[in-house]
Protein backbone atom coordinates (compact mmCIF):
# COMPACT_ATOMS: atom_id res chain seq x y z
CA UNK A 1 29.02 -3.05 310.42
CA UNK A 2 27.90 -4.05 306.94
CA UNK A 3 30.38 -4.83 304.19
CA UNK A 4 31.25 -1.76 302.05
CA UNK A 5 29.56 -1.77 298.66
CA UNK A 6 31.55 -2.35 295.50
CA UNK A 7 31.15 1.35 294.67
CA UNK A 8 32.59 2.33 298.06
CA UNK A 9 35.58 0.03 297.57
CA UNK A 10 36.24 1.40 294.09
CA UNK A 11 35.96 4.94 295.43
CA UNK A 12 38.46 4.24 298.19
CA UNK A 13 40.89 2.81 295.64
CA UNK A 14 40.57 5.88 293.41
CA UNK A 15 40.86 8.46 296.19
CA UNK A 16 43.44 6.83 298.43
CA UNK A 17 45.97 5.63 295.84
CA UNK A 18 49.13 7.75 296.04
CA UNK A 19 51.53 8.68 293.22
CA UNK A 20 54.25 6.77 295.10
CA UNK A 21 52.36 3.53 294.45
CA UNK A 22 52.92 3.83 290.70
CA UNK A 23 55.98 1.91 289.53
CA UNK A 24 58.31 3.35 286.88
CA UNK A 25 56.89 0.81 284.41
CA UNK A 26 53.35 2.06 285.10
CA UNK A 27 54.26 5.74 284.72
CA UNK A 28 56.19 5.02 281.51
CA UNK A 29 53.21 3.11 280.09
CA UNK A 30 50.80 5.89 281.05
CA UNK A 31 52.98 8.33 279.14
CA UNK A 32 52.88 6.03 276.12
CA UNK A 33 49.09 5.54 276.18
CA UNK A 34 48.61 9.28 276.69
CA UNK A 35 50.70 10.07 273.61
CA UNK A 36 48.74 7.46 271.64
CA UNK A 37 45.46 9.00 272.87
CA UNK A 38 46.64 12.52 272.03
CA UNK A 39 47.46 11.57 268.45
CA UNK A 40 44.10 9.91 268.07
CA UNK A 41 42.26 12.99 269.37
CA UNK A 42 43.84 15.36 266.86
CA UNK A 43 43.94 12.79 264.06
CA UNK A 44 40.40 11.59 264.67
CA UNK A 45 39.08 15.15 264.62
CA UNK A 46 40.90 15.85 261.36
CA UNK A 47 40.09 12.63 259.51
CA UNK A 48 36.75 11.22 260.68
CA UNK A 49 33.63 12.04 258.70
CA UNK A 50 31.63 12.41 261.92
CA UNK A 51 33.68 15.36 263.21
CA UNK A 52 31.68 18.20 261.67
CA UNK A 53 28.38 17.01 263.09
CA UNK A 54 29.57 16.23 266.62
CA UNK A 55 31.52 19.49 266.86
CA UNK A 56 28.63 21.59 265.59
CA UNK A 57 26.22 19.79 267.88
CA UNK A 58 28.27 20.57 270.97
CA UNK A 59 28.84 24.20 269.94
CA UNK A 60 25.08 24.63 269.63
CA UNK A 61 24.67 23.45 273.22
CA UNK A 62 27.40 25.66 274.68
CA UNK A 63 26.17 28.77 272.91
CA UNK A 64 29.69 29.86 271.96
CA UNK A 65 33.01 28.44 270.82
CA UNK A 66 35.04 29.61 273.80
CA UNK A 67 38.41 31.31 273.68
CA UNK A 68 41.84 29.95 272.82
CA UNK A 69 43.59 30.90 276.07
CA UNK A 70 45.80 28.38 277.82
CA UNK A 71 44.70 26.38 280.87
CA UNK A 72 44.35 28.57 283.94
CA UNK A 73 42.36 26.46 286.38
CA UNK A 74 39.32 28.63 285.76
CA UNK A 75 36.92 25.69 285.65
CA UNK A 76 37.11 25.33 281.86
CA UNK A 77 38.91 22.78 279.70
CA UNK A 78 40.36 22.65 276.20
CA UNK A 79 39.02 20.96 273.09
CA UNK A 80 42.49 19.82 272.09
CA UNK A 81 42.44 19.97 268.27
CA UNK A 82 41.00 23.51 268.16
CA UNK A 83 42.11 25.15 271.39
CA UNK A 84 38.55 26.15 272.25
CA UNK A 85 37.88 26.59 275.97
CA UNK A 86 34.55 25.18 277.12
CA UNK A 87 32.92 23.56 280.15
CA UNK A 88 34.92 20.46 281.14
CA UNK A 89 32.10 18.00 280.43
CA UNK A 90 31.86 19.35 276.85
CA UNK A 91 35.64 19.16 276.36
CA UNK A 92 35.63 15.61 277.70
CA UNK A 93 32.82 14.64 275.33
CA UNK A 94 34.54 16.02 272.26
CA UNK A 95 38.05 14.78 273.07
CA UNK A 96 36.73 11.35 274.05
CA UNK A 97 34.74 11.10 270.83
CA UNK A 98 37.64 12.20 268.63
CA UNK A 99 39.92 9.65 270.35
CA UNK A 100 37.65 6.77 269.33
CA UNK A 101 36.59 8.08 265.92
CA UNK A 102 39.14 6.02 263.99
CA UNK A 103 38.81 2.87 266.14
CA UNK A 104 42.57 3.07 266.47
CA UNK A 105 42.77 3.43 270.27
CA UNK A 106 44.10 1.07 272.91
CA UNK A 107 42.45 -2.20 273.94
CA UNK A 108 42.33 -4.08 277.23
CA UNK A 109 41.60 -7.60 276.10
CA UNK A 110 40.30 -9.19 279.34
CA UNK A 111 37.61 -6.52 279.61
CA UNK A 112 37.18 -6.18 275.82
CA UNK A 113 37.31 -2.40 276.20
CA UNK A 114 39.10 0.74 275.05
CA UNK A 115 39.95 2.49 278.33
CA UNK A 116 42.01 5.45 277.10
CA UNK A 117 39.27 7.24 275.18
CA UNK A 118 36.89 7.77 278.13
CA UNK A 119 39.40 7.71 281.01
CA UNK A 120 42.04 10.07 279.63
CA UNK A 121 39.42 12.40 278.15
CA UNK A 122 37.81 12.81 281.58
CA UNK A 123 41.15 13.03 283.36
CA UNK A 124 42.57 15.68 281.04
CA UNK A 125 39.46 17.84 281.32
CA UNK A 126 39.25 17.47 285.10
CA UNK A 127 42.96 18.11 285.60
CA UNK A 128 42.82 21.28 283.55
CA UNK A 129 39.64 22.55 285.19
CA UNK A 130 41.14 22.04 288.66
CA UNK A 131 44.73 23.01 287.80
CA UNK A 132 46.04 19.63 288.97
CA UNK A 133 49.67 18.54 288.78
CA UNK A 134 51.09 16.14 286.21
CA UNK A 135 51.71 13.64 289.02
CA UNK A 136 48.05 13.76 290.02
CA UNK A 137 46.98 13.46 286.36
CA UNK A 138 49.14 10.35 285.96
CA UNK A 139 47.73 8.78 289.12
CA UNK A 140 44.16 9.59 288.07
CA UNK A 141 44.70 7.89 284.71
CA UNK A 142 46.08 4.82 286.49
CA UNK A 143 43.10 4.43 288.82
CA UNK A 144 40.70 5.20 285.96
CA UNK A 145 42.17 2.29 283.99
CA UNK A 146 41.99 0.10 287.10
CA UNK A 147 38.27 0.73 287.57
CA UNK A 148 37.23 0.68 283.90
CA UNK A 149 39.07 -2.54 283.09
CA UNK A 150 38.18 -4.51 286.21
CA UNK A 151 34.54 -3.48 285.87
CA UNK A 152 34.69 -4.73 282.27
CA UNK A 153 36.01 -8.08 283.42
CA UNK A 154 33.47 -8.29 286.25
CA UNK A 155 30.46 -7.63 284.02
CA UNK A 156 31.67 -10.55 281.85
CA UNK A 157 32.37 -9.41 278.27
CA UNK A 158 30.48 -12.28 276.63
CA UNK A 159 27.41 -11.74 278.77
CA UNK A 160 27.54 -7.97 278.32
CA UNK A 161 27.91 -8.17 274.54
CA UNK A 162 25.17 -10.78 274.53
CA UNK A 163 22.83 -8.20 276.04
CA UNK A 164 23.80 -5.77 273.25
CA UNK A 165 26.02 -3.38 275.24
CA UNK A 166 29.36 -1.76 274.44
CA UNK A 167 31.77 -2.15 277.39
CA UNK A 168 33.83 0.95 276.57
CA UNK A 169 30.67 3.04 276.94
CA UNK A 170 29.31 1.40 280.09
CA UNK A 171 32.34 0.40 282.17
CA UNK A 172 34.26 3.33 280.73
CA UNK A 173 31.82 5.60 282.56
CA UNK A 174 32.85 4.15 285.93
CA UNK A 175 36.56 4.38 285.07
CA UNK A 176 36.28 7.94 283.82
CA UNK A 177 34.40 8.87 287.01
CA UNK A 178 37.17 7.38 289.15
CA UNK A 179 39.77 9.49 287.32
CA UNK A 180 37.72 12.69 287.35
CA UNK A 181 36.68 12.25 290.97
CA UNK A 182 40.24 11.91 292.16
CA UNK A 183 41.25 15.10 290.36
CA UNK A 184 38.14 16.94 291.55
CA UNK A 185 39.29 16.32 295.12
CA UNK A 186 36.11 14.61 296.28
CA UNK A 187 35.93 12.38 299.34
CA UNK A 188 35.44 8.63 299.28
CA UNK A 189 31.80 9.17 300.24
CA UNK A 190 31.27 11.71 297.47
CA UNK A 191 32.89 9.50 294.84
CA UNK A 192 30.77 6.58 296.04
CA UNK A 193 27.75 8.78 295.42
CA UNK A 194 29.10 9.68 291.95
CA UNK A 195 29.27 5.97 291.13
CA UNK A 196 25.68 5.78 292.34
CA UNK A 197 24.80 8.46 289.79
CA UNK A 198 26.68 6.43 287.15
CA UNK A 199 24.17 3.66 287.74
CA UNK A 200 21.59 5.80 285.98
CA UNK A 201 23.98 6.98 283.27
CA UNK A 202 25.73 3.92 281.83
CA UNK A 203 24.63 3.22 278.26
CA UNK A 204 26.01 2.19 274.89
CA UNK A 205 24.21 0.01 272.37
CA UNK A 206 25.83 -2.23 269.74
CA UNK A 207 23.04 -1.36 267.30
CA UNK A 208 25.51 0.84 265.40
CA UNK A 209 26.66 -2.36 263.70
CA UNK A 210 23.39 -2.43 261.73
CA UNK A 211 24.24 0.50 259.46
CA UNK A 212 27.78 1.64 260.22
CA UNK A 213 26.45 4.45 262.41
CA UNK A 214 28.68 6.88 264.29
CA UNK A 215 27.25 6.03 267.72
CA UNK A 216 30.28 3.95 268.70
CA UNK A 217 32.58 6.92 268.16
CA UNK A 218 30.42 8.95 270.53
CA UNK A 219 30.30 6.33 273.28
CA UNK A 220 33.58 7.13 275.10
CA UNK A 221 32.91 10.86 274.76
CA UNK A 222 29.54 10.42 276.43
CA UNK A 223 31.17 8.27 279.14
CA UNK A 224 33.77 10.96 279.86
CA UNK A 225 31.13 13.68 279.90
CA UNK A 226 28.89 11.67 282.21
CA UNK A 227 31.82 11.22 284.57
CA UNK A 228 32.37 14.97 284.91
CA UNK A 229 28.65 15.48 285.45
CA UNK A 230 28.41 12.77 288.11
CA UNK A 231 31.45 14.03 290.03
CA UNK A 232 30.27 17.64 289.92
CA UNK A 233 26.81 16.64 291.18
CA UNK A 234 28.21 14.46 293.96
CA UNK A 235 30.67 17.18 295.03
CA UNK A 236 27.69 19.53 295.33
CA UNK A 237 25.88 17.20 297.72
CA UNK A 238 23.74 15.18 295.30
CA UNK A 239 22.99 11.74 296.73
CA UNK A 240 23.51 8.82 294.37
CA UNK A 241 21.95 5.38 294.72
CA UNK A 242 23.42 2.79 297.06
CA UNK A 243 24.91 -0.42 295.64
CA UNK A 244 24.64 0.76 292.02
CA UNK A 245 26.73 -2.17 290.82
CA UNK A 246 25.65 -5.27 292.76
CA UNK A 247 22.21 -4.11 293.94
CA UNK A 248 18.90 -5.78 293.09
CA UNK A 249 18.36 -3.39 290.18
CA UNK A 250 22.03 -2.50 289.75
CA UNK A 251 24.48 -2.63 286.89
CA UNK A 252 25.15 -6.37 287.04
CA UNK A 253 21.46 -7.25 287.21
CA UNK A 254 20.59 -5.21 284.14
CA UNK A 255 23.66 -5.61 281.96
CA UNK A 256 24.85 -9.22 282.09
CA UNK A 257 23.70 -12.79 282.65
CA UNK A 258 26.81 -13.98 284.48
CA UNK A 259 28.76 -11.31 286.44
CA UNK A 260 32.05 -12.09 288.19
CA UNK A 261 32.05 -9.65 291.14
CA UNK A 262 35.01 -11.35 292.84
CA UNK A 263 37.29 -9.68 290.28
CA UNK A 264 36.64 -6.41 292.11
CA UNK A 265 37.72 -7.74 295.52
CA UNK A 266 41.39 -6.80 295.21
CA UNK A 267 42.34 -4.19 292.60
CA UNK A 268 46.07 -3.60 292.22
CA UNK A 269 47.17 -0.11 291.22
CA UNK A 270 48.48 0.17 287.67
CA UNK A 271 48.06 -3.46 286.64
CA UNK A 272 45.30 -2.64 284.15
CA UNK A 273 47.28 -0.11 282.15
CA UNK A 274 50.17 -2.57 281.90
CA UNK A 275 47.75 -5.11 280.41
CA UNK A 276 46.56 -2.72 277.71
CA UNK A 277 47.52 -3.00 274.04
CA UNK A 278 48.12 -0.24 271.50
CA UNK A 279 46.74 -0.73 268.00
CA UNK A 280 48.84 -0.76 264.82
CA UNK A 281 45.70 -1.07 262.64
CA UNK A 282 42.63 1.27 262.69
CA UNK A 283 39.98 -1.43 263.06
CA UNK A 284 38.36 -3.78 265.54
CA UNK A 285 40.99 -5.34 267.77
CA UNK A 286 39.52 -8.82 267.37
CA UNK A 287 40.86 -8.82 263.79
CA UNK A 288 44.46 -7.87 264.58
CA UNK A 289 45.93 -11.30 265.30
CA UNK A 290 44.35 -12.56 262.08
CA UNK A 291 45.72 -9.57 260.14
CA UNK A 292 49.22 -10.28 261.47
CA UNK A 293 48.93 -13.91 260.43
CA UNK A 294 47.58 -13.07 256.96
CA UNK A 295 50.31 -10.51 256.26
CA UNK A 296 53.01 -12.92 257.44
CA UNK A 297 51.71 -15.79 255.29
CA UNK A 298 51.22 -13.59 252.23
CA UNK A 299 54.70 -12.12 252.57
CA UNK A 300 56.55 -15.31 253.46
CA UNK A 301 54.98 -17.36 250.66
CA UNK A 302 54.58 -14.53 248.16
CA UNK A 303 50.89 -15.37 247.74
CA UNK A 304 49.24 -13.90 244.67
CA UNK A 305 45.76 -12.73 245.80
CA UNK A 306 44.38 -13.64 242.38
CA UNK A 307 45.08 -17.32 243.16
CA UNK A 308 43.32 -17.36 246.54
CA UNK A 309 40.25 -19.62 246.56
CA UNK A 310 39.35 -19.64 250.29
CA UNK A 311 40.35 -17.87 253.48
CA UNK A 312 39.16 -19.27 256.80
CA UNK A 313 39.51 -17.09 259.90
CA UNK A 314 39.01 -18.52 263.40
CA UNK A 315 38.24 -15.85 266.04
CA UNK A 316 36.79 -15.78 269.56
CA UNK A 317 32.98 -15.79 269.48
CA UNK A 318 32.70 -12.07 270.26
CA UNK A 319 35.02 -11.37 267.33
CA UNK A 320 32.75 -13.31 265.00
CA UNK A 321 29.74 -11.32 266.25
CA UNK A 322 31.45 -8.01 265.59
CA UNK A 323 33.43 -8.73 262.41
CA UNK A 324 32.01 -11.80 260.68
CA UNK A 325 28.27 -11.94 261.20
CA UNK A 326 26.26 -11.82 259.01
CA UNK A 327 28.97 -12.83 256.58
CA UNK A 328 27.23 -11.58 253.44
CA UNK A 329 26.99 -8.09 254.91
CA UNK A 330 30.58 -8.18 256.16
CA UNK A 331 31.69 -9.11 252.63
CA UNK A 332 30.07 -5.93 251.27
CA UNK A 333 31.06 -3.04 253.58
CA UNK A 334 29.46 0.25 252.56
CA UNK A 335 31.41 2.81 254.61
CA UNK A 336 34.43 3.35 256.85
CA UNK A 337 32.76 1.95 259.98
CA UNK A 338 31.63 -1.15 258.08
CA UNK A 339 35.21 -1.68 256.94
CA UNK A 340 36.53 -1.35 260.51
CA UNK A 341 34.26 -4.22 261.54
CA UNK A 342 34.68 -6.44 258.50
CA UNK A 343 37.10 -9.35 258.70
CA UNK A 344 36.65 -10.03 254.96
CA UNK A 345 37.66 -6.45 254.15
CA UNK A 346 40.73 -6.54 256.40
CA UNK A 347 41.74 -9.93 255.01
CA UNK A 348 41.47 -8.65 251.46
CA UNK A 349 43.55 -5.60 252.36
CA UNK A 350 46.19 -7.74 254.06
CA UNK A 351 46.46 -10.18 251.14
CA UNK A 352 46.40 -7.64 248.34
CA UNK A 353 48.70 -4.99 249.82
CA UNK A 354 50.39 -6.53 252.87
CA UNK A 355 49.44 -3.31 254.66
CA UNK A 356 46.44 -2.56 256.89
CA UNK A 357 47.71 0.72 258.35
CA UNK A 358 45.83 4.02 258.48
CA UNK A 359 46.92 5.22 255.04
CA UNK A 360 46.03 1.89 253.42
CA UNK A 361 42.67 1.82 255.19
CA UNK A 362 41.80 5.32 254.01
CA UNK A 363 42.94 4.72 250.44
CA UNK A 364 40.94 1.49 250.22
CA UNK A 365 37.67 3.36 250.75
CA UNK A 366 37.76 4.44 247.13
CA UNK A 367 38.00 0.83 245.89
CA UNK A 368 35.11 -0.81 247.75
CA UNK A 369 33.42 -1.52 244.42
CA UNK A 370 36.53 -3.06 242.90
CA UNK A 371 35.59 -6.46 241.36
CA UNK A 372 38.88 -8.00 242.44
CA UNK A 373 38.43 -6.81 246.02
CA UNK A 374 34.86 -8.16 246.10
CA UNK A 375 36.04 -11.50 244.74
CA UNK A 376 38.71 -11.69 247.45
CA UNK A 377 36.24 -10.76 250.22
CA UNK A 378 33.88 -13.47 248.96
CA UNK A 379 36.54 -16.10 249.72
CA UNK A 380 36.61 -15.20 253.42
CA UNK A 381 34.68 -17.10 256.09
CA UNK A 382 34.76 -16.28 259.81
CA UNK A 383 34.10 -18.92 262.48
CA UNK A 384 34.97 -19.73 266.07
CA UNK A 385 36.41 -22.98 267.41
CA UNK A 386 37.48 -24.24 270.82
CA UNK A 387 41.04 -23.31 269.89
CA UNK A 388 40.22 -19.60 270.14
CA UNK A 389 37.23 -19.79 272.51
CA UNK A 390 38.95 -21.74 275.28
CA UNK A 391 41.47 -19.04 276.19
CA UNK A 392 39.26 -16.01 275.66
CA UNK A 393 39.20 -13.34 277.10
CA UNK A 394 42.73 -13.78 278.49
CA UNK A 395 44.06 -14.38 274.96
CA UNK A 396 42.56 -12.95 271.75
CA UNK A 397 44.04 -15.51 269.39
CA UNK A 398 43.30 -16.10 265.73
CA UNK A 399 43.84 -18.95 263.33
CA UNK A 400 43.91 -18.45 259.57
CA UNK A 401 44.03 -20.83 256.64
CA UNK A 402 44.65 -19.61 253.10
CA UNK A 403 43.77 -21.92 250.22
CA UNK A 404 45.17 -21.12 246.79
CA UNK A 405 44.82 -22.87 243.45
CA UNK A 406 47.90 -24.94 244.29
CA UNK A 407 48.65 -24.80 248.02
CA UNK A 408 47.31 -24.39 251.54
CA UNK A 409 48.89 -22.24 254.27
CA UNK A 410 48.06 -22.04 257.98
CA UNK A 411 49.05 -19.79 260.85
CA UNK A 412 47.87 -19.50 264.46
CA UNK A 413 48.68 -16.25 266.27
CA UNK A 414 48.22 -15.86 270.01
CA UNK A 415 49.31 -12.28 270.59
CA UNK A 416 48.80 -9.57 267.99
CA UNK A 417 51.24 -6.71 267.55
CA UNK A 418 50.74 -4.16 270.30
CA UNK A 419 49.72 -6.62 273.02
CA UNK A 420 51.78 -6.50 276.25
CA UNK A 421 53.41 -9.78 275.18
CA UNK A 422 54.27 -8.23 271.80
CA UNK A 423 54.24 -4.48 272.52
CA UNK A 424 54.68 -1.48 270.30
CA UNK A 425 57.96 0.23 271.17
CA UNK A 426 58.21 3.91 272.05
CA UNK A 427 59.55 4.53 268.54
CA UNK A 428 56.54 2.77 266.98
CA UNK A 429 54.17 4.70 269.24
CA UNK A 430 55.86 7.96 268.31
CA UNK A 431 55.62 7.09 264.60
CA UNK A 432 51.89 6.43 264.95
CA UNK A 433 51.42 9.71 266.81
CA UNK A 434 53.37 11.62 264.17
CA UNK A 435 51.29 10.16 261.34
CA UNK A 436 48.07 11.21 263.06
CA UNK A 437 49.33 14.62 264.16
CA UNK A 438 50.67 15.36 260.67
CA UNK A 439 47.28 14.46 259.19
CA UNK A 440 45.84 17.04 261.60
CA UNK A 441 48.30 19.70 260.36
CA UNK A 442 50.14 19.89 263.70
CA UNK A 443 53.62 21.30 263.10
CA UNK A 444 56.73 19.28 263.93
CA UNK A 445 57.87 21.49 266.80
CA UNK A 446 54.51 21.12 268.54
CA UNK A 447 54.55 17.38 267.94
CA UNK A 448 58.01 17.04 269.46
CA UNK A 449 57.04 19.03 272.54
CA UNK A 450 54.10 16.69 273.16
CA UNK A 451 56.29 13.61 272.65
CA UNK A 452 58.87 14.90 275.12
CA UNK A 453 56.28 15.65 277.80
CA UNK A 454 54.58 12.25 277.47
CA UNK A 455 57.91 10.48 277.80
CA UNK A 456 58.35 12.11 281.22
CA UNK A 457 54.72 12.83 282.06
CA UNK A 458 54.68 12.05 285.77
CA UNK A 459 57.76 14.24 286.37
CA UNK A 460 56.69 17.18 284.23
CA UNK A 461 55.68 20.50 285.74
CA UNK A 462 52.16 21.83 285.30
CA UNK A 463 53.19 24.68 283.03
CA UNK A 464 54.99 22.38 280.58
CA UNK A 465 52.03 20.02 280.43
CA UNK A 466 49.70 22.96 279.87
CA UNK A 467 51.80 24.34 277.05
CA UNK A 468 52.64 21.06 275.31
CA UNK A 469 49.54 18.88 275.74
CA UNK A 470 46.64 21.29 276.14
CA UNK A 471 48.35 23.50 273.57
CA UNK A 472 48.48 20.91 270.79
CA UNK A 473 45.87 22.76 268.76
CA UNK A 474 46.47 23.47 265.11
C-alpha cells in the first residue's frame, strides 16, 4: 500500500482529533484568540477605509442583504458587524476580511502567518451553518491553526515570500478548509479531496506593497471563502486532485524554492495556537520588537526626538523586505497601509509619542506631511544582520540603535510584547477588544457577554454562543 499523501494525513488529523485532546491551556488560548478576532472583525469593519467597497461588492453578488435573525442552522451564516444572514462562504469572506483590515490580528512567527483571520472566519461560518456545538467549534479552530501554521512552516517562509506570495492567503486556505471540513462533517476522503481543490485555489500576491492596496486585507477573507467552497464541493462528490501539496505540479513545486515537508510528518493538536502571538500594535509584526525597543529607550533615557540624528533598525530579512525596502518609499508613506508597513513611520511614532497603539496610529494619519515627522523618518535605516537572521523564523528579534546629538543608545529585543514568551494577559486582550468594539459602537452589555463566552468558549452551550458571538452586531 502506498504512503498516504500529505493532504490525506492532514485530513485525518482534522477529522479524527477529538475535543478531549485539547488541553485546558489550548482551550483557554483559543478563547483568547477568538475574542481578539471578534474585536478585529467589528473594529475593522467600522474603521477601515476599505469596508464600504468590500461590503457593497459582496452584497451585489448575493443579490440581497439577508435578514438579521439569529443562527438557526439553516445553512446561512452571519456577517458579524451587521447581523446580515448570507451564504456561509460570503459571511466567511467578509468576516475574514474585516479581521485583517487593520493588520492588528494574531501572528504565528515560525510560519510568518496570521492564522486567526482565515481559520476562525471559516470556522464561525461553518459552525453556524451546521449548528455545531461550541466544543466542536473550539476543536475545529485548533486543527485549523495546526494545518495553517505547519503548512506555512513547510512551504518555507523565506522561499514563499521570495516567490512573491502571502502565506496567510495561501496556507490559510488549507487551515480554513481543515476547520470548515471538520464542522461540515465530511469524511477523511472528502476532506482530502477538498485539499485537492485547494490546490487550484491558493493565491495571494505581495504586489499590494507597491501602492498600499487593499488586497492584503482581502486575502484571509478569500481564503476562508475558498475553504467553504472546497468543502461544500467535496461533500457533494467533487473529486479534487491527488497530492496537491507534494505532487509534481503541487503547492510546494509552484510556491517555494526550498520546502520542508518533514514538518508535516507529526502534527500535534493545539501546539500551533499556543505558539501564536497577539498584537499590541496595528502594523506589520516584524516591526513590533523594534517598536518595543524604541519605546523603552526613548522612555528610559527621555530622548528628545528633535535631537535624534540616526536610527538603525536590524530586522530579519523578510522584515526588511516588507517594512524597509525601498527605504525612500518607506520614509514617505502615503496612506494607512503604507504606514502599517513602514519601519521609519513606526519608529518616528515610537520616538515622538512613546505610543504606537491604534488611537496613535489613526491620529498620525493627519500628520504625514509634518516636517518634523519627515525629518525623523529620514533618520531611520533598516538592515538585516546575522544577529537577527540566524534565529529566524523561530525568533523575530530586532536590534535598534539611536544616535542623538550627544549620545548613542542600543537595545536588542528577542520577543516582542504578545509573543508566547511575553504574552498579552487576558486583561490586556479584553482591553484591546473593548477599544475595537467601542469604536464599532457595540454597547458595553454586548461586549461583556462576548468576553464572558470567549473566556469559557469550549464549555459554553450553543444558544449562548449564538446569542453572544453571532449576535455582536451593532
